[in-house]
PDB file of N, CA and C in Angstrom:
ATOM      1  N   MET A   1      54.241 -58.881-137.151  1.00  0.00           N
ATOM      2  CA  MET A   1      53.803 -57.508-137.087  1.00  0.00           C
ATOM      3  C   MET A   1      52.936 -57.334-135.849  1.00  0.00           C
ATOM      4  N   ILE A   2      53.171 -56.267-135.158  1.00  0.00           N
ATOM      5  CA  ILE A   2      52.453 -56.005-133.913  1.00  0.00           C
ATOM      6  C   ILE A   2      51.262 -55.098-134.197  1.00  0.00           C
ATOM      7  N   MET A   3      50.123 -55.413-133.586  1.00  0.00           N
ATOM      8  CA  MET A   3      48.919 -54.591-133.729  1.00  0.00           C
ATOM      9  C   MET A   3      49.174 -53.227-133.094  1.00  0.00           C
ATOM     10  N   PRO A   4      48.850 -52.135-133.790  1.00  0.00           N
ATOM     11  CA  PRO A   4      49.085 -50.790-133.240  1.00  0.00           C
ATOM     12  C   PRO A   4      48.043 -50.432-132.177  1.00  0.00           C
ATOM     13  N   LEU A   5      48.180 -51.013-130.989  1.00  0.00           N
ATOM     14  CA  LEU A   5      47.186 -50.824-129.936  1.00  0.00           C
ATOM     15  C   LEU A   5      47.083 -49.378-129.469  1.00  0.00           C
ATOM     16  N   GLU A   6      48.191 -48.691-129.401  1.00  0.00           N
ATOM     17  CA  GLU A   6      48.166 -47.292-128.971  1.00  0.00           C
ATOM     18  C   GLU A   6      47.311 -46.453-129.920  1.00  0.00           C
ATOM     19  N   SER A   7      47.439 -46.728-131.213  1.00  0.00           N
ATOM     20  CA  SER A   7      46.634 -46.005-132.201  1.00  0.00           C
ATOM     21  C   SER A   7      45.158 -46.334-132.048  1.00  0.00           C
ATOM     22  N   LEU A   8      44.853 -47.588-131.762  1.00  0.00           N
ATOM     23  CA  LEU A   8      43.457 -47.990-131.560  1.00  0.00           C
ATOM     24  C   LEU A   8      42.851 -47.317-130.333  1.00  0.00           C
ATOM     25  N   ILE A   9      43.622 -47.237-129.267  1.00  0.00           N
ATOM     26  CA  ILE A   9      43.135 -46.623-128.025  1.00  0.00           C
ATOM     27  C   ILE A   9      42.879 -45.133-128.228  1.00  0.00           C
ATOM     28  N   ASN A  10      43.747 -44.473-128.966  1.00  0.00           N
ATOM     29  CA  ASN A  10      43.636 -43.029-129.158  1.00  0.00           C
ATOM     30  C   ASN A  10      42.748 -42.634-130.335  1.00  0.00           C
ATOM     31  N   PHE A  11      42.154 -43.596-131.032  1.00  0.00           N
ATOM     32  CA  PHE A  11      41.319 -43.297-132.196  1.00  0.00           C
ATOM     33  C   PHE A  11      40.059 -42.562-131.760  1.00  0.00           C
ATOM     34  N   SER A  12      39.780 -41.438-132.406  1.00  0.00           N
ATOM     35  CA  SER A  12      38.633 -40.625-131.992  1.00  0.00           C
ATOM     36  C   SER A  12      37.515 -40.592-133.038  1.00  0.00           C
ATOM     37  N   GLY A  13      37.663 -41.355-134.106  1.00  0.00           N
ATOM     38  CA  GLY A  13      36.651 -41.358-135.164  1.00  0.00           C
ATOM     39  C   GLY A  13      35.561 -42.384-134.927  1.00  0.00           C
ATOM     40  N   ASN A  14      34.863 -42.725-135.978  1.00  0.00           N
ATOM     41  CA  ASN A  14      33.775 -43.679-135.947  1.00  0.00           C
ATOM     42  C   ASN A  14      34.349 -45.101-135.857  1.00  0.00           C
ATOM     43  N   ALA A  15      34.136 -45.770-134.744  1.00  0.00           N
ATOM     44  CA  ALA A  15      34.706 -47.108-134.515  1.00  0.00           C
ATOM     45  C   ALA A  15      34.124 -48.140-135.475  1.00  0.00           C
ATOM     46  N   TYR A  16      32.827 -48.017-135.801  1.00  0.00           N
ATOM     47  CA  TYR A  16      32.206 -48.953-136.743  1.00  0.00           C
ATOM     48  C   TYR A  16      32.842 -48.812-138.116  1.00  0.00           C
ATOM     49  N   GLU A  17      33.032 -47.590-138.564  1.00  0.00           N
ATOM     50  CA  GLU A  17      33.636 -47.336-139.865  1.00  0.00           C
ATOM     51  C   GLU A  17      35.054 -47.897-139.914  1.00  0.00           C
ATOM     52  N   LEU A  18      35.801 -47.706-138.840  1.00  0.00           N
ATOM     53  CA  LEU A  18      37.165 -48.227-138.766  1.00  0.00           C
ATOM     54  C   LEU A  18      37.171 -49.757-138.813  1.00  0.00           C
ATOM     55  N   ALA A  19      36.297 -50.385-138.040  1.00  0.00           N
ATOM     56  CA  ALA A  19      36.226 -51.851-138.011  1.00  0.00           C
ATOM     57  C   ALA A  19      35.855 -52.411-139.379  1.00  0.00           C
ATOM     58  N   ALA A  20      34.912 -51.758-140.058  1.00  0.00           N
ATOM     59  CA  ALA A  20      34.504 -52.206-141.389  1.00  0.00           C
ATOM     60  C   ALA A  20      35.659 -52.064-142.378  1.00  0.00           C
ATOM     61  N   ALA A  21      36.384 -50.954-142.307  1.00  0.00           N
ATOM     62  CA  ALA A  21      37.517 -50.745-143.205  1.00  0.00           C
ATOM     63  C   ALA A  21      38.614 -51.777-142.962  1.00  0.00           C
ATOM     64  N   ILE A  22      38.886 -52.077-141.705  1.00  0.00           N
ATOM     65  CA  ILE A  22      39.903 -53.074-141.370  1.00  0.00           C
ATOM     66  C   ILE A  22      39.487 -54.449-141.879  1.00  0.00           C
ATOM     67  N   ALA A  23      38.218 -54.799-141.709  1.00  0.00           N
ATOM     68  CA  ALA A  23      37.723 -56.104-142.146  1.00  0.00           C
ATOM     69  C   ALA A  23      37.797 -56.253-143.662  1.00  0.00           C
ATOM     70  N   VAL A  24      37.402 -55.218-144.381  1.00  0.00           N
ATOM     71  CA  VAL A  24      37.443 -55.280-145.847  1.00  0.00           C
ATOM     72  C   VAL A  24      38.884 -55.382-146.339  1.00  0.00           C
ATOM     73  N   ARG A  25      39.768 -54.589-145.762  1.00  0.00           N
ATOM     74  CA  ARG A  25      41.171 -54.631-146.177  1.00  0.00           C
ATOM     75  C   ARG A  25      41.806 -55.977-145.820  1.00  0.00           C
ATOM     76  N   ALA A  26      41.465 -56.528-144.673  1.00  0.00           N
ATOM     77  CA  ALA A  26      41.988 -57.840-144.279  1.00  0.00           C
ATOM     78  C   ALA A  26      41.532 -58.907-145.267  1.00  0.00           C
ATOM     79  N   TYR A  27      40.284 -58.826-145.700  1.00  0.00           N
ATOM     80  CA  TYR A  27      39.771 -59.771-146.701  1.00  0.00           C
ATOM     81  C   TYR A  27      40.551 -59.638-148.006  1.00  0.00           C
ATOM     82  N   GLN A  28      40.784 -58.398-148.438  1.00  0.00           N
ATOM     83  CA  GLN A  28      41.544 -58.179-149.667  1.00  0.00           C
ATOM     84  C   GLN A  28      42.935 -58.789-149.561  1.00  0.00           C
ATOM     85  N   LEU A  29      43.597 -58.569-148.440  1.00  0.00           N
ATOM     86  CA  LEU A  29      44.942 -59.113-148.251  1.00  0.00           C
ATOM     87  C   LEU A  29      44.935 -60.636-148.220  1.00  0.00           C
ATOM     88  N   ALA A  30      43.901 -61.227-147.606  1.00  0.00           N
ATOM     89  CA  ALA A  30      43.814 -62.686-147.524  1.00  0.00           C
ATOM     90  C   ALA A  30      43.618 -63.302-148.901  1.00  0.00           C
ATOM     91  N   VAL A  31      42.855 -62.634-149.744  1.00  0.00           N
ATOM     92  CA  VAL A  31      42.613 -63.143-151.091  1.00  0.00           C
ATOM     93  C   VAL A  31      43.860 -62.987-151.965  1.00  0.00           C
ATOM     94  N   LEU A  32      44.542 -61.860-151.837  1.00  0.00           N
ATOM     95  CA  LEU A  32      45.712 -61.587-152.677  1.00  0.00           C
ATOM     96  C   LEU A  32      46.916 -62.458-152.335  1.00  0.00           C
ATOM     97  N   ARG A  33      47.103 -62.740-151.044  1.00  0.00           N
ATOM     98  CA  ARG A  33      48.243 -63.558-150.571  1.00  0.00           C
ATOM     99  C   ARG A  33      49.562 -63.082-151.171  1.00  0.00           C
ATOM    100  N   THR A  34      49.858 -61.796-151.027  1.00  0.00           N
ATOM    101  CA  THR A  34      51.093 -61.219-151.540  1.00  0.00           C
ATOM    102  C   THR A  34      52.286 -61.719-150.718  1.00  0.00           C
ATOM    103  N   PRO A  35      53.490 -61.498-151.210  1.00  0.00           N
ATOM    104  CA  PRO A  35      54.670 -61.876-150.423  1.00  0.00           C
ATOM    105  C   PRO A  35      54.715 -61.192-149.055  1.00  0.00           C
ATOM    106  N   GLU A  36      54.187 -59.965-148.964  1.00  0.00           N
ATOM    107  CA  GLU A  36      54.136 -59.275-147.671  1.00  0.00           C
ATOM    108  C   GLU A  36      53.265 -60.038-146.679  1.00  0.00           C
ATOM    109  N   VAL A  37      52.146 -60.574-147.154  1.00  0.00           N
ATOM    110  CA  VAL A  37      51.246 -61.352-146.291  1.00  0.00           C
ATOM    111  C   VAL A  37      51.944 -62.627-145.836  1.00  0.00           C
ATOM    112  N   GLU A  38      52.613 -63.281-146.741  1.00  0.00           N
ATOM    113  CA  GLU A  38      53.353 -64.502-146.406  1.00  0.00           C
ATOM    114  C   GLU A  38      54.458 -64.205-145.395  1.00  0.00           C
ATOM    115  N   LYS A  39      55.130 -63.072-145.574  1.00  0.00           N
ATOM    116  CA  LYS A  39      56.194 -62.668-144.654  1.00  0.00           C
ATOM    117  C   LYS A  39      55.634 -62.394-143.256  1.00  0.00           C
ATOM    118  N   ASN A  40      54.382 -61.958-143.198  1.00  0.00           N
ATOM    119  CA  ASN A  40      53.708 -61.642-141.941  1.00  0.00           C
ATOM    120  C   ASN A  40      52.951 -62.848-141.382  1.00  0.00           C
ATOM    121  N   ASN A  41      53.244 -64.027-141.883  1.00  0.00           N
ATOM    122  CA  ASN A  41      52.624 -65.283-141.442  1.00  0.00           C
ATOM    123  C   ASN A  41      51.109 -65.273-141.585  1.00  0.00           C
ATOM    124  N   GLY A  42      50.578 -64.570-142.579  1.00  0.00           N
ATOM    125  CA  GLY A  42      49.155 -64.555-142.843  1.00  0.00           C
ATOM    126  C   GLY A  42      48.330 -63.741-141.865  1.00  0.00           C
ATOM    127  N   LYS A  43      48.951 -62.916-141.062  1.00  0.00           N
ATOM    128  CA  LYS A  43      48.229 -62.106-140.070  1.00  0.00           C
ATOM    129  C   LYS A  43      47.699 -60.840-140.756  1.00  0.00           C
ATOM    130  N   VAL A  44      46.577 -61.016-141.469  1.00  0.00           N
ATOM    131  CA  VAL A  44      46.065 -59.944-142.302  1.00  0.00           C
ATOM    132  C   VAL A  44      45.342 -58.857-141.511  1.00  0.00           C
ATOM    133  N   VAL A  45      44.775 -59.173-140.355  1.00  0.00           N
ATOM    134  CA  VAL A  45      44.058 -58.160-139.579  1.00  0.00           C
ATOM    135  C   VAL A  45      45.029 -57.136-139.013  1.00  0.00           C
ATOM    136  N   SER A  46      46.108 -57.584-138.418  1.00  0.00           N
ATOM    137  CA  SER A  46      47.080 -56.626-137.882  1.00  0.00           C
ATOM    138  C   SER A  46      47.747 -55.849-139.007  1.00  0.00           C
ATOM    139  N   MET A  47      47.957 -56.505-140.133  1.00  0.00           N
ATOM    140  CA  MET A  47      48.568 -55.846-141.272  1.00  0.00           C
ATOM    141  C   MET A  47      47.636 -54.767-141.833  1.00  0.00           C
ATOM    142  N   SER A  48      46.350 -55.082-141.964  1.00  0.00           N
ATOM    143  CA  SER A  48      45.408 -54.092-142.492  1.00  0.00           C
ATOM    144  C   SER A  48      45.213 -52.940-141.514  1.00  0.00           C
ATOM    145  N   THR A  49      45.213 -53.225-140.211  1.00  0.00           N
ATOM    146  CA  THR A  49      45.089 -52.165-139.210  1.00  0.00           C
ATOM    147  C   THR A  49      46.270 -51.207-139.301  1.00  0.00           C
ATOM    148  N   GLN A  50      47.455 -51.761-139.420  1.00  0.00           N
ATOM    149  CA  GLN A  50      48.639 -50.918-139.517  1.00  0.00           C
ATOM    150  C   GLN A  50      48.612 -50.090-140.799  1.00  0.00           C
ATOM    151  N   GLU A  51      48.199 -50.687-141.910  1.00  0.00           N
ATOM    152  CA  GLU A  51      48.123 -49.944-143.170  1.00  0.00           C
ATOM    153  C   GLU A  51      47.158 -48.766-143.066  1.00  0.00           C
ATOM    154  N   ILE A  52      46.033 -48.980-142.413  1.00  0.00           N
ATOM    155  CA  ILE A  52      45.035 -47.916-142.283  1.00  0.00           C
ATOM    156  C   ILE A  52      45.549 -46.806-141.380  1.00  0.00           C
ATOM    157  N   PHE A  53      46.149 -47.148-140.261  1.00  0.00           N
ATOM    158  CA  PHE A  53      46.643 -46.108-139.354  1.00  0.00           C
ATOM    159  C   PHE A  53      47.853 -45.370-139.909  1.00  0.00           C
ATOM    160  N   GLU A  54      48.655 -46.038-140.716  1.00  0.00           N
ATOM    161  CA  GLU A  54      49.798 -45.375-141.350  1.00  0.00           C
ATOM    162  C   GLU A  54      49.384 -44.629-142.611  1.00  0.00           C
ATOM    163  N   LYS A  55      48.106 -44.745-142.972  1.00  0.00           N
ATOM    164  CA  LYS A  55      47.530 -44.113-144.175  1.00  0.00           C
ATOM    165  C   LYS A  55      48.190 -44.610-145.458  1.00  0.00           C
ATOM    166  N   THR A  56      48.640 -45.868-145.432  1.00  0.00           N
ATOM    167  CA  THR A  56      49.141 -46.516-146.649  1.00  0.00           C
ATOM    168  C   THR A  56      47.977 -46.785-147.591  1.00  0.00           C
ATOM    169  N   VAL A  57      46.817 -47.103-147.022  1.00  0.00           N
ATOM    170  CA  VAL A  57      45.572 -47.255-147.778  1.00  0.00           C
ATOM    171  C   VAL A  57      44.539 -46.331-147.155  1.00  0.00           C
ATOM    172  N   GLY A  58      43.615 -45.901-147.950  1.00  0.00           N
ATOM    173  CA  GLY A  58      42.566 -45.017-147.458  1.00  0.00           C
ATOM    174  C   GLY A  58      41.220 -45.708-147.479  1.00  0.00           C
ATOM    175  N   TYR A  59      40.253 -45.124-146.827  1.00  0.00           N
ATOM    176  CA  TYR A  59      38.893 -45.652-146.811  1.00  0.00           C
ATOM    177  C   TYR A  59      37.910 -44.525-146.616  1.00  0.00           C
ATOM    178  N   LYS A  60      36.679 -44.767-147.061  1.00  0.00           N
ATOM    179  CA  LYS A  60      35.596 -43.824-146.783  1.00  0.00           C
ATOM    180  C   LYS A  60      34.295 -44.605-146.763  1.00  0.00           C
ATOM    181  N   LEU A  61      33.363 -44.124-145.987  1.00  0.00           N
ATOM    182  CA  LEU A  61      32.061 -44.742-145.849  1.00  0.00           C
ATOM    183  C   LEU A  61      31.179 -44.285-146.994  1.00  0.00           C
ATOM    184  N   ILE A  62      30.614 -45.245-147.704  1.00  0.00           N
ATOM    185  CA  ILE A  62      29.726 -44.937-148.826  1.00  0.00           C
ATOM    186  C   ILE A  62      28.297 -45.148-148.360  1.00  0.00           C
ATOM    187  N   THR A  63      27.503 -44.097-148.426  1.00  0.00           N
ATOM    188  CA  THR A  63      26.097 -44.203-148.036  1.00  0.00           C
ATOM    189  C   THR A  63      25.237 -44.031-149.279  1.00  0.00           C
ATOM    190  N   SER A  64      24.073 -44.617-149.229  1.00  0.00           N
ATOM    191  CA  SER A  64      23.191 -44.505-150.402  1.00  0.00           C
ATOM    192  C   SER A  64      22.162 -43.432-150.232  1.00  0.00           C
TER     193      SER A  64
END
């Protein structure tokens, strides 16, 4: 799976929020080790980035 670099370059939102969402989703994928992760050779960061940009998964910043 190729990292969606064009989407990253054109992203106009909060970069910290995006990085945190990608990291959390990558951790979830690494723990789950689904067949999709195995098919992607364990490249969970690019997989989570693509999921977020394709809006397959959502995220929001929780403040206290």
